[in-house]
C-alpha atoms as a PDB file:
ATOM      1  CA  UNK A   1     162.116 138.693  66.824  1.00  0.00           C
ATOM      2  CA  UNK A   2     165.643 139.637  65.826  1.00  0.00           C
ATOM      3  CA  UNK A   3     168.915 140.800  67.280  1.00  0.00           C
ATOM      4  CA  UNK A   4     170.686 139.605  70.418  1.00  0.00           C
ATOM      5  CA  UNK A   5     169.047 136.755  72.331  1.00  0.00           C
ATOM      6  CA  UNK A   6     170.759 135.602  75.546  1.00  0.00           C
ATOM      7  CA  UNK A   7     170.751 131.876  76.412  1.00  0.00           C
ATOM      8  CA  UNK A   8     170.653 132.405  80.153  1.00  0.00           C
ATOM      9  CA  UNK A   9     172.968 130.716  82.626  1.00  0.00           C
ATOM     10  CA  UNK A  10     171.247 129.020  85.564  1.00  0.00           C
ATOM     11  CA  UNK A  11     172.707 130.404  88.808  1.00  0.00           C
ATOM     12  CA  UNK A  12     173.354 127.864  91.556  1.00  0.00           C
ATOM     13  CA  UNK A  13     174.232 128.151  95.221  1.00  0.00           C
ATOM     14  CA  UNK A  14     177.119 126.200  96.728  1.00  0.00           C
ATOM     15  CA  UNK A  15     174.684 123.393  97.641  1.00  0.00           C
ATOM     16  CA  UNK A  16     173.587 123.211  93.947  1.00  0.00           C
ATOM     17  CA  UNK A  17     170.148 124.665  94.648  1.00  0.00           C
ATOM     18  CA  UNK A  18     168.907 127.320  92.203  1.00  0.00           C
ATOM     19  CA  UNK A  19     169.900 130.859  93.186  1.00  0.00           C
ATOM     20  CA  UNK A  20     166.731 132.749  92.317  1.00  0.00           C
ATOM     21  CA  UNK A  21     167.996 136.097  93.566  1.00  0.00           C
ATOM     22  CA  UNK A  22     170.986 135.933  91.222  1.00  0.00           C
ATOM     23  CA  UNK A  23     168.628 134.927  88.400  1.00  0.00           C
ATOM     24  CA  UNK A  24     166.469 137.973  89.073  1.00  0.00           C
ATOM     25  CA  UNK A  25     169.509 140.261  89.179  1.00  0.00           C
ATOM     26  CA  UNK A  26     170.839 138.931  85.884  1.00  0.00           C
ATOM     27  CA  UNK A  27     167.525 139.119  84.020  1.00  0.00           C
ATOM     28  CA  UNK A  28     167.071 142.674  85.294  1.00  0.00           C
ATOM     29  CA  UNK A  29     170.544 143.632  84.045  1.00  0.00           C
ATOM     30  CA  UNK A  30     170.012 142.110  80.594  1.00  0.00           C
ATOM     31  CA  UNK A  31     166.679 143.871  80.141  1.00  0.00           C
ATOM     32  CA  UNK A  32     168.168 147.147  81.314  1.00  0.00           C
ATOM     33  CA  UNK A  33     171.037 146.955  78.822  1.00  0.00           C
ATOM     34  CA  UNK A  34     168.572 146.260  76.022  1.00  0.00           C
ATOM     35  CA  UNK A  35     168.940 142.694  74.747  1.00  0.00           C
ATOM     36  CA  UNK A  36     166.210 141.599  72.368  1.00  0.00           C
ATOM     37  CA  UNK A  37     165.351 138.267  73.960  1.00  0.00           C
ATOM     38  CA  UNK A  38     166.031 136.043  76.977  1.00  0.00           C
ATOM     39  CA  UNK A  39     166.124 132.262  76.693  1.00  0.00           C
ATOM     40  CA  UNK A  40     165.827 130.149  79.852  1.00  0.00           C
ATOM     41  CA  UNK A  41     166.580 126.399  80.158  1.00  0.00           C
ATOM     42  CA  UNK A  42     169.193 126.727  77.433  1.00  0.00           C
ATOM     43  CA  UNK A  43     172.302 124.619  76.918  1.00  0.00           C
ATOM     44  CA  UNK A  44     174.156 127.433  78.704  1.00  0.00           C
ATOM     45  CA  UNK A  45     171.585 127.043  81.472  1.00  0.00           C
ATOM     46  CA  UNK A  46     172.661 123.421  82.037  1.00  0.00           C
ATOM     47  CA  UNK A  47     169.178 122.134  81.266  1.00  0.00           C
ATOM     48  CA  UNK A  48     170.448 118.535  81.160  1.00  0.00           C
ATOM     49  CA  UNK A  49     171.326 118.884  84.864  1.00  0.00           C
ATOM     50  CA  UNK A  50     167.798 120.034  85.761  1.00  0.00           C
ATOM     51  CA  UNK A  51     164.849 117.777  86.425  1.00  0.00           C
ATOM     52  CA  UNK A  52     161.487 118.337  84.759  1.00  0.00           C
ATOM     53  CA  UNK A  53     159.967 120.165  87.717  1.00  0.00           C
ATOM     54  CA  UNK A  54     162.961 122.489  87.986  1.00  0.00           C
ATOM     55  CA  UNK A  55     162.668 123.290  84.285  1.00  0.00           C
ATOM     56  CA  UNK A  56     159.026 124.216  84.785  1.00  0.00           C
ATOM     57  CA  UNK A  57     159.827 126.267  87.896  1.00  0.00           C
ATOM     58  CA  UNK A  58     162.556 128.190  86.087  1.00  0.00           C
ATOM     59  CA  UNK A  59     160.247 128.783  83.138  1.00  0.00           C
ATOM     60  CA  UNK A  60     157.590 130.197  85.459  1.00  0.00           C
ATOM     61  CA  UNK A  61     160.078 132.383  87.312  1.00  0.00           C
ATOM     62  CA  UNK A  62     161.495 133.650  84.044  1.00  0.00           C
ATOM     63  CA  UNK A  63     158.028 134.549  82.830  1.00  0.00           C
ATOM     64  CA  UNK A  64     157.570 136.675  85.964  1.00  0.00           C
ATOM     65  CA  UNK A  65     160.873 138.459  85.423  1.00  0.00           C
ATOM     66  CA  UNK A  66     161.009 139.005  81.662  1.00  0.00           C
ATOM     67  CA  UNK A  67     158.691 141.861  80.809  1.00  0.00           C
ATOM     68  CA  UNK A  68     160.388 144.083  78.240  1.00  0.00           C
ATOM     69  CA  UNK A  69     161.714 141.645  75.672  1.00  0.00           C
ATOM     70  CA  UNK A  70     160.939 138.338  73.956  1.00  0.00           C
ATOM     71  CA  UNK A  71     160.842 135.341  76.272  1.00  0.00           C
ATOM     72  CA  UNK A  72     162.033 131.921  75.084  1.00  0.00           C
ATOM     73  CA  UNK A  73     161.917 128.624  76.995  1.00  0.00           C
ATOM     74  CA  UNK A  74     163.961 125.518  76.255  1.00  0.00           C
ATOM     75  CA  UNK A  75     161.869 122.336  76.291  1.00  0.00           C
ATOM     76  CA  UNK A  76     164.277 119.722  74.956  1.00  0.00           C
ATOM     77  CA  UNK A  77     164.436 116.145  76.197  1.00  0.00           C
ATOM     78  CA  UNK A  78     165.303 112.687  74.885  1.00  0.00           C
ATOM     79  CA  UNK A  79     161.637 111.793  75.475  1.00  0.00           C
ATOM     80  CA  UNK A  80     159.178 113.125  72.876  1.00  0.00           C
ATOM     81  CA  UNK A  81     156.234 113.029  75.295  1.00  0.00           C
ATOM     82  CA  UNK A  82     158.190 114.959  77.915  1.00  0.00           C
ATOM     83  CA  UNK A  83     159.030 117.596  75.290  1.00  0.00           C
ATOM     84  CA  UNK A  84     155.325 117.910  74.512  1.00  0.00           C
ATOM     85  CA  UNK A  85     154.541 118.288  78.222  1.00  0.00           C
ATOM     86  CA  UNK A  86     157.224 120.951  78.743  1.00  0.00           C
ATOM     87  CA  UNK A  87     156.200 122.768  75.564  1.00  0.00           C
ATOM     88  CA  UNK A  88     152.530 122.865  76.608  1.00  0.00           C
ATOM     89  CA  UNK A  89     153.643 124.206  79.982  1.00  0.00           C
ATOM     90  CA  UNK A  90     155.680 126.979  78.320  1.00  0.00           C
ATOM     91  CA  UNK A  91     152.665 127.807  76.168  1.00  0.00           C
ATOM     92  CA  UNK A  92     150.358 127.891  79.204  1.00  0.00           C
ATOM     93  CA  UNK A  93     152.574 130.324  81.143  1.00  0.00           C
ATOM     94  CA  UNK A  94     152.768 132.712  78.192  1.00  0.00           C
ATOM     95  CA  UNK A  95     156.238 132.196  76.721  1.00  0.00           C
ATOM     96  CA  UNK A  96     156.719 133.760  73.298  1.00  0.00           C
ATOM     97  CA  UNK A  97     158.726 130.861  71.845  1.00  0.00           C
ATOM     98  CA  UNK A  98     160.079 127.453  72.777  1.00  0.00           C
ATOM     99  CA  UNK A  99     163.512 126.282  71.675  1.00  0.00           C
ATOM    100  CA  UNK A 100     163.860 122.541  71.105  1.00  0.00           C
ATOM    101  CA  UNK A 101     167.138 120.722  70.545  1.00  0.00           C
ATOM    102  CA  UNK A 102     166.883 117.252  68.989  1.00  0.00           C
ATOM    103  CA  UNK A 103     166.960 114.139  71.184  1.00  0.00           C
ATOM    104  CA  UNK A 104     170.498 113.231  72.155  1.00  0.00           C
ATOM    105  CA  UNK A 105     172.349 110.009  73.143  1.00  0.00           C
ATOM    106  CA  UNK A 106     170.710 107.687  70.581  1.00  0.00           C
ATOM    107  CA  UNK A 107     171.459 108.310  66.866  1.00  0.00           C
ATOM    108  CA  UNK A 108     168.329 109.125  64.852  1.00  0.00           C
ATOM    109  CA  UNK A 109     167.798 109.507  61.114  1.00  0.00           C
ATOM    110  CA  UNK A 110     165.871 112.332  59.449  1.00  0.00           C
ATOM    111  CA  UNK A 111     162.613 110.373  59.442  1.00  0.00           C
ATOM    112  CA  UNK A 112     162.780 109.789  63.202  1.00  0.00           C
ATOM    113  CA  UNK A 113     163.642 113.439  63.828  1.00  0.00           C
ATOM    114  CA  UNK A 114     160.767 114.536  61.602  1.00  0.00           C
ATOM    115  CA  UNK A 115     158.392 112.332  63.606  1.00  0.00           C
ATOM    116  CA  UNK A 116     159.683 113.843  66.873  1.00  0.00           C
ATOM    117  CA  UNK A 117     159.193 117.452  65.805  1.00  0.00           C
ATOM    118  CA  UNK A 118     155.950 116.843  63.913  1.00  0.00           C
ATOM    119  CA  UNK A 119     154.320 115.298  67.005  1.00  0.00           C
ATOM    120  CA  UNK A 120     155.285 118.376  69.048  1.00  0.00           C
ATOM    121  CA  UNK A 121     154.148 120.837  66.364  1.00  0.00           C
ATOM    122  CA  UNK A 122     150.786 119.075  65.990  1.00  0.00           C
ATOM    123  CA  UNK A 123     150.035 119.033  69.714  1.00  0.00           C
ATOM    124  CA  UNK A 124     151.034 122.637  70.549  1.00  0.00           C
ATOM    125  CA  UNK A 125     150.451 126.090  69.069  1.00  0.00           C
ATOM    126  CA  UNK A 126     153.389 128.061  70.495  1.00  0.00           C
ATOM    127  CA  UNK A 127     156.035 129.053  67.900  1.00  0.00           C
ATOM    128  CA  UNK A 128     158.937 126.588  67.884  1.00  0.00           C
ATOM    129  CA  UNK A 129     162.578 127.436  67.301  1.00  0.00           C
ATOM    130  CA  UNK A 130     164.497 124.356  66.176  1.00  0.00           C
ATOM    131  CA  UNK A 131     167.953 124.023  67.727  1.00  0.00           C
ATOM    132  CA  UNK A 132     170.707 122.493  65.634  1.00  0.00           C
ATOM    133  CA  UNK A 133     173.706 121.619  67.829  1.00  0.00           C
ATOM    134  CA  UNK A 134     175.512 118.677  66.191  1.00  0.00           C
ATOM    135  CA  UNK A 135     178.288 118.607  68.815  1.00  0.00           C
ATOM    136  CA  UNK A 136     175.721 117.542  71.443  1.00  0.00           C
ATOM    137  CA  UNK A 137     172.742 116.021  69.640  1.00  0.00           C
ATOM    138  CA  UNK A 138     171.500 114.550  66.385  1.00  0.00           C
ATOM    139  CA  UNK A 139     172.222 117.032  63.570  1.00  0.00           C
ATOM    140  CA  UNK A 140     169.378 118.672  61.657  1.00  0.00           C
ATOM    141  CA  UNK A 141     169.973 118.500  57.908  1.00  0.00           C
ATOM    142  CA  UNK A 142     168.893 121.260  55.537  1.00  0.00           C
ATOM    143  CA  UNK A 143     166.295 119.004  53.798  1.00  0.00           C
ATOM    144  CA  UNK A 144     164.800 118.108  57.193  1.00  0.00           C
ATOM    145  CA  UNK A 145     164.652 121.762  58.293  1.00  0.00           C
ATOM    146  CA  UNK A 146     163.037 122.691  54.976  1.00  0.00           C
ATOM    147  CA  UNK A 147     160.450 119.914  55.271  1.00  0.00           C
ATOM    148  CA  UNK A 148     159.506 120.883  58.823  1.00  0.00           C
ATOM    149  CA  UNK A 149     159.275 124.587  57.951  1.00  0.00           C
ATOM    150  CA  UNK A 150     157.119 123.910  54.900  1.00  0.00           C
ATOM    151  CA  UNK A 151     154.677 121.584  56.686  1.00  0.00           C
ATOM    152  CA  UNK A 152     154.261 123.391  60.027  1.00  0.00           C
ATOM    153  CA  UNK A 153     153.597 127.114  60.338  1.00  0.00           C
ATOM    154  CA  UNK A 154     154.340 127.029  64.065  1.00  0.00           C
ATOM    155  CA  UNK A 155     157.914 125.910  63.396  1.00  0.00           C
ATOM    156  CA  UNK A 156     159.084 129.492  63.309  1.00  0.00           C
ATOM    157  CA  UNK A 157     162.875 129.378  63.038  1.00  0.00           C
ATOM    158  CA  UNK A 158     166.148 127.757  63.990  1.00  0.00           C
ATOM    159  CA  UNK A 159     169.155 128.322  66.214  1.00  0.00           C
ATOM    160  CA  UNK A 160     172.263 127.127  64.372  1.00  0.00           C
ATOM    161  CA  UNK A 161     175.072 126.213  66.772  1.00  0.00           C
ATOM    162  CA  UNK A 162     177.189 124.782  63.994  1.00  0.00           C
ATOM    163  CA  UNK A 163     180.646 125.924  62.946  1.00  0.00           C
ATOM    164  CA  UNK A 164     179.753 125.930  59.254  1.00  0.00           C
ATOM    165  CA  UNK A 165     178.732 129.131  57.546  1.00  0.00           C
ATOM    166  CA  UNK A 166     177.925 127.024  54.471  1.00  0.00           C
ATOM    167  CA  UNK A 167     175.204 125.199  56.404  1.00  0.00           C
ATOM    168  CA  UNK A 168     173.786 128.494  57.685  1.00  0.00           C
ATOM    169  CA  UNK A 169     173.926 129.864  54.119  1.00  0.00           C
ATOM    170  CA  UNK A 170     171.956 126.886  52.810  1.00  0.00           C
ATOM    171  CA  UNK A 171     169.296 127.212  55.509  1.00  0.00           C
ATOM    172  CA  UNK A 172     168.870 130.909  54.712  1.00  0.00           C
ATOM    173  CA  UNK A 173     168.851 130.472  50.920  1.00  0.00           C
ATOM    174  CA  UNK A 174     166.820 127.249  50.776  1.00  0.00           C
ATOM    175  CA  UNK A 175     164.408 127.703  53.678  1.00  0.00           C
ATOM    176  CA  UNK A 176     164.171 131.382  54.617  1.00  0.00           C
ATOM    177  CA  UNK A 177     164.084 132.516  50.990  1.00  0.00           C
ATOM    178  CA  UNK A 178     161.008 130.331  50.443  1.00  0.00           C
ATOM    179  CA  UNK A 179     159.394 131.181  53.775  1.00  0.00           C
ATOM    180  CA  UNK A 180     160.288 134.760  54.626  1.00  0.00           C
ATOM    181  CA  UNK A 181     159.003 134.655  58.211  1.00  0.00           C
ATOM    182  CA  UNK A 182     161.306 131.716  59.107  1.00  0.00           C
ATOM    183  CA  UNK A 183     163.951 133.070  61.481  1.00  0.00           C
ATOM    184  CA  UNK A 184     167.599 132.014  61.426  1.00  0.00           C
ATOM    185  CA  UNK A 185     169.861 132.681  64.413  1.00  0.00           C
ATOM    186  CA  UNK A 186     173.450 131.688  64.941  1.00  0.00           C
ATOM    187  CA  UNK A 187     174.438 130.139  68.249  1.00  0.00           C
ATOM    188  CA  UNK A 188     178.112 131.060  67.811  1.00  0.00           C
ATOM    189  CA  UNK A 189     179.432 134.521  68.685  1.00  0.00           C
ATOM    190  CA  UNK A 190     182.033 134.398  65.893  1.00  0.00           C
ATOM    191  CA  UNK A 191     179.337 133.858  63.248  1.00  0.00           C
ATOM    192  CA  UNK A 192     177.029 136.679  64.331  1.00  0.00           C
ATOM    193  CA  UNK A 193     177.961 139.141  61.580  1.00  0.00           C
ATOM    194  CA  UNK A 194     178.259 136.384  58.933  1.00  0.00           C
ATOM    195  CA  UNK A 195     174.696 135.312  59.689  1.00  0.00           C
ATOM    196  CA  UNK A 196     173.332 138.853  59.503  1.00  0.00           C
ATOM    197  CA  UNK A 197     175.095 139.520  56.187  1.00  0.00           C
ATOM    198  CA  UNK A 198     173.585 136.376  54.655  1.00  0.00           C
ATOM    199  CA  UNK A 199     170.104 137.481  55.700  1.00  0.00           C
ATOM    200  CA  UNK A 200     169.706 135.841  59.106  1.00  0.00           C
ATOM    201  CA  UNK A 201     167.857 137.430  62.008  1.00  0.00           C
ATOM    202  CA  UNK A 202     170.444 137.527  64.782  1.00  0.00           C
ATOM    203  CA  UNK A 203     172.190 135.382  67.334  1.00  0.00           C
ATOM    204  CA  UNK A 204     171.462 133.359  70.465  1.00  0.00           C
ATOM    205  CA  UNK A 205     174.964 133.488  71.933  1.00  0.00           C
ATOM    206  CA  UNK A 206     176.327 132.446  75.332  1.00  0.00           C
ATOM    207  CA  UNK A 207     178.979 135.163  75.636  1.00  0.00           C
ATOM    208  CA  UNK A 208     176.135 137.699  75.682  1.00  0.00           C
ATOM    209  CA  UNK A 209     175.641 136.647  79.309  1.00  0.00           C
ATOM    210  CA  UNK A 210     178.763 138.577  80.307  1.00  0.00           C
ATOM    211  CA  UNK A 211     179.570 140.878  77.334  1.00  0.00           C
ATOM    212  CA  UNK A 212     176.225 141.801  75.739  1.00  0.00           C
ATOM    213  CA  UNK A 213     177.450 145.317  75.030  1.00  0.00           C
ATOM    214  CA  UNK A 214     179.647 143.997  72.197  1.00  0.00           C
ATOM    215  CA  UNK A 215     176.845 141.946  70.626  1.00  0.00           C
ATOM    216  CA  UNK A 216     174.414 144.854  70.890  1.00  0.00           C
ATOM    217  CA  UNK A 217     176.923 147.310  69.414  1.00  0.00           C
ATOM    218  CA  UNK A 218     177.520 144.986  66.461  1.00  0.00           C
ATOM    219  CA  UNK A 219     173.824 144.579  65.784  1.00  0.00           C
ATOM    220  CA  UNK A 220     173.168 148.319  66.057  1.00  0.00           C
ATOM    221  CA  UNK A 221     176.078 149.102  63.718  1.00  0.00           C
ATOM    222  CA  UNK A 222     174.806 146.560  61.176  1.00  0.00           C
ATOM    223  CA  UNK A 223     171.254 147.908  61.347  1.00  0.00           C
ATOM    224  CA  UNK A 224     172.577 151.468  60.836  1.00  0.00           C
ATOM    225  CA  UNK A 225     174.812 150.338  57.932  1.00  0.00           C
ATOM    226  CA  UNK A 226     177.965 151.344  59.788  1.00  0.00           C
ATOM    227  CA  UNK A 227     179.788 148.333  58.432  1.00  0.00           C
ATOM    228  CA  UNK A 228     183.316 149.278  59.487  1.00  0.00           C
ATOM    229  CA  UNK A 229     182.106 149.433  63.091  1.00  0.00           C
ATOM    230  CA  UNK A 230     180.244 146.146  62.660  1.00  0.00           C
ATOM    231  CA  UNK A 231     183.414 144.480  61.364  1.00  0.00           C
ATOM    232  CA  UNK A 232     185.402 145.818  64.328  1.00  0.00           C
ATOM    233  CA  UNK A 233     182.898 144.373  66.805  1.00  0.00           C
ATOM    234  CA  UNK A 234     182.800 141.085  64.865  1.00  0.00           C
ATOM    235  CA  UNK A 235     186.561 140.812  65.230  1.00  0.00           C
ATOM    236  CA  UNK A 236     186.189 141.309  68.991  1.00  0.00           C
ATOM    237  CA  UNK A 237     183.581 138.567  69.162  1.00  0.00           C
ATOM    238  CA  UNK A 238     185.821 136.269  67.121  1.00  0.00           C
ATOM    239  CA  UNK A 239     188.571 136.743  69.698  1.00  0.00           C
ATOM    240  CA  UNK A 240     186.122 136.429  72.571  1.00  0.00           C
ATOM    241  CA  UNK A 241     184.868 133.080  71.259  1.00  0.00           C
ATOM    242  CA  UNK A 242     188.308 131.624  72.011  1.00  0.00           C
ATOM    243  CA  UNK A 243     187.125 131.512  75.632  1.00  0.00           C
ATOM    244  CA  UNK A 244     185.506 128.119  74.993  1.00  0.00           C
ATOM    245  CA  UNK A 245     188.840 126.518  74.117  1.00  0.00           C
ATOM    246  CA  UNK A 246     190.359 127.720  77.402  1.00  0.00           C
ATOM    247  CA  UNK A 247     187.995 125.833  79.727  1.00  0.00           C
ATOM    248  CA  UNK A 248     186.837 122.238  80.158  1.00  0.00           C
ATOM    249  CA  UNK A 249     183.223 123.177  79.358  1.00  0.00           C
ATOM    250  CA  UNK A 250     181.256 126.101  77.994  1.00  0.00           C
ATOM    251  CA  UNK A 251     179.538 126.461  81.377  1.00  0.00           C
ATOM    252  CA  UNK A 252     182.814 126.809  83.210  1.00  0.00           C
ATOM    253  CA  UNK A 253     184.076 129.375  80.684  1.00  0.00           C
ATOM    254  CA  UNK A 254     180.951 131.532  80.932  1.00  0.00           C
ATOM    255  CA  UNK A 255     180.650 131.461  84.721  1.00  0.00           C
ATOM    256  CA  UNK A 256     184.362 132.201  85.209  1.00  0.00           C
ATOM    257  CA  UNK A 257     184.035 135.183  82.868  1.00  0.00           C
ATOM    258  CA  UNK A 258     180.984 136.368  84.808  1.00  0.00           C
ATOM    259  CA  UNK A 259     182.930 136.085  88.066  1.00  0.00           C
ATOM    260  CA  UNK A 260     185.817 138.113  86.640  1.00  0.00           C
ATOM    261  CA  UNK A 261     183.446 140.810  85.390  1.00  0.00           C
ATOM    262  CA  UNK A 262     181.743 141.093  88.773  1.00  0.00           C
ATOM    263  CA  UNK A 263     178.354 139.483  88.205  1.00  0.00           C
ATOM    264  CA  UNK A 264     176.577 138.131  91.283  1.00  0.00           C
ATOM    265  CA  UNK A 265     176.258 134.640  89.793  1.00  0.00           C
ATOM    266  CA  UNK A 266     178.432 132.199  91.724  1.00  0.00           C
ATOM    267  CA  UNK A 267     181.036 130.083  89.888  1.00  0.00           C
ATOM    268  CA  UNK A 268     179.114 126.862  90.532  1.00  0.00           C
ATOM    269  CA  UNK A 269     178.170 124.159  88.022  1.00  0.00           C
ATOM    270  CA  UNK A 270     176.004 121.158  88.763  1.00  0.00           C
ATOM    271  CA  UNK A 271     177.703 117.780  88.446  1.00  0.00           C
ATOM    272  CA  UNK A 272     178.780 116.144  86.283  1.00  0.00           C
ATOM    273  CA  UNK A 273     180.245 119.488  85.160  1.00  0.00           C
ATOM    274  CA  UNK A 274     183.043 121.016  87.232  1.00  0.00           C
ATOM    275  CA  UNK A 275     184.472 124.499  87.441  1.00  0.00           C
ATOM    276  CA  UNK A 276     188.028 124.965  86.235  1.00  0.00           C
ATOM    277  CA  UNK A 277     190.690 126.256  88.602  1.00  0.00           C
ATOM    278  CA  UNK A 278     193.026 129.211  88.922  1.00  0.00           C
ATOM    279  CA  UNK A 279     195.117 128.447  85.826  1.00  0.00           C
ATOM    280  CA  UNK A 280     192.100 128.586  83.509  1.00  0.00           C
ATOM    281  CA  UNK A 281     190.726 131.631  85.303  1.00  0.00           C
ATOM    282  CA  UNK A 282     193.977 133.511  84.668  1.00  0.00           C
ATOM    283  CA  UNK A 283     193.864 132.651  80.963  1.00  0.00           C
ATOM    284  CA  UNK A 284     190.274 133.880  80.705  1.00  0.00           C
ATOM    285  CA  UNK A 285     191.146 137.023  82.647  1.00  0.00           C
ATOM    286  CA  UNK A 286     193.977 137.723  80.196  1.00  0.00           C
ATOM    287  CA  UNK A 287     191.629 137.298  77.218  1.00  0.00           C
ATOM    288  CA  UNK A 288     189.056 139.654  78.733  1.00  0.00           C
ATOM    289  CA  UNK A 289     191.761 142.187  79.558  1.00  0.00           C
ATOM    290  CA  UNK A 290     193.000 142.070  75.953  1.00  0.00           C
ATOM    291  CA  UNK A 291     189.498 142.942  74.783  1.00  0.00           C
ATOM    292  CA  UNK A 292     189.009 145.735  77.327  1.00  0.00           C
ATOM    293  CA  UNK A 293     186.507 143.736  79.370  1.00  0.00           C
END
């Protein structure tokens, strides 16, 4: 697996129920445009606002819809046993990978985090993508990542949503260089090209929900060694990533951008998140206009 992986938004109706028709439309569009993977129950998908049964239902529905690309399912929770249950479910329905962020809320040291992931890896066979997102959960250190990758073959890679290219560099040089099949993805649009240059595999990036053509063009240019084109697209993504600083939450930013670009997904977030108003929408519209979107 490599390239552009989309952490899917979860579409909601005005009553906060899941909008399955919009989900189907969006998955169909992403497969048609040629993304390399689709990831359901992601941070972008507001998984913390879903209950366990909804996460399973979305995973099952996604498995029905995703048929031409890699299929990833998020199975994170603060409860290790619930993660194991969700991971076994993803394995049973035929997902290609699970993506597991660390437990959040309570601070944990490396030994506790190792215990969490080792219990999951020992009780399931599906390939696991670790998810390092220090802004929201306990950070995964390079020594911890290296230990997990060396002891468990089914820990297959990592999504790095960390604004530190030095950390990504160390994971690639210290982990991937020792275990070649270990995959490294950035979670930040602005670090997509950096990660590829260092030897990473691609990106799992939220803006690919509404502007995947830029991500795909960058990856294609890089693969074809058209580096001037790749740099140009990287600069666009760097500007596009400013969208997160314009809104009160990443979810609001992404769904407003999708509304502006004409996607069928409604601008609805589940509480406690709220959608931003007209002022933020105008700022996002101006940014998209500047980038020709």
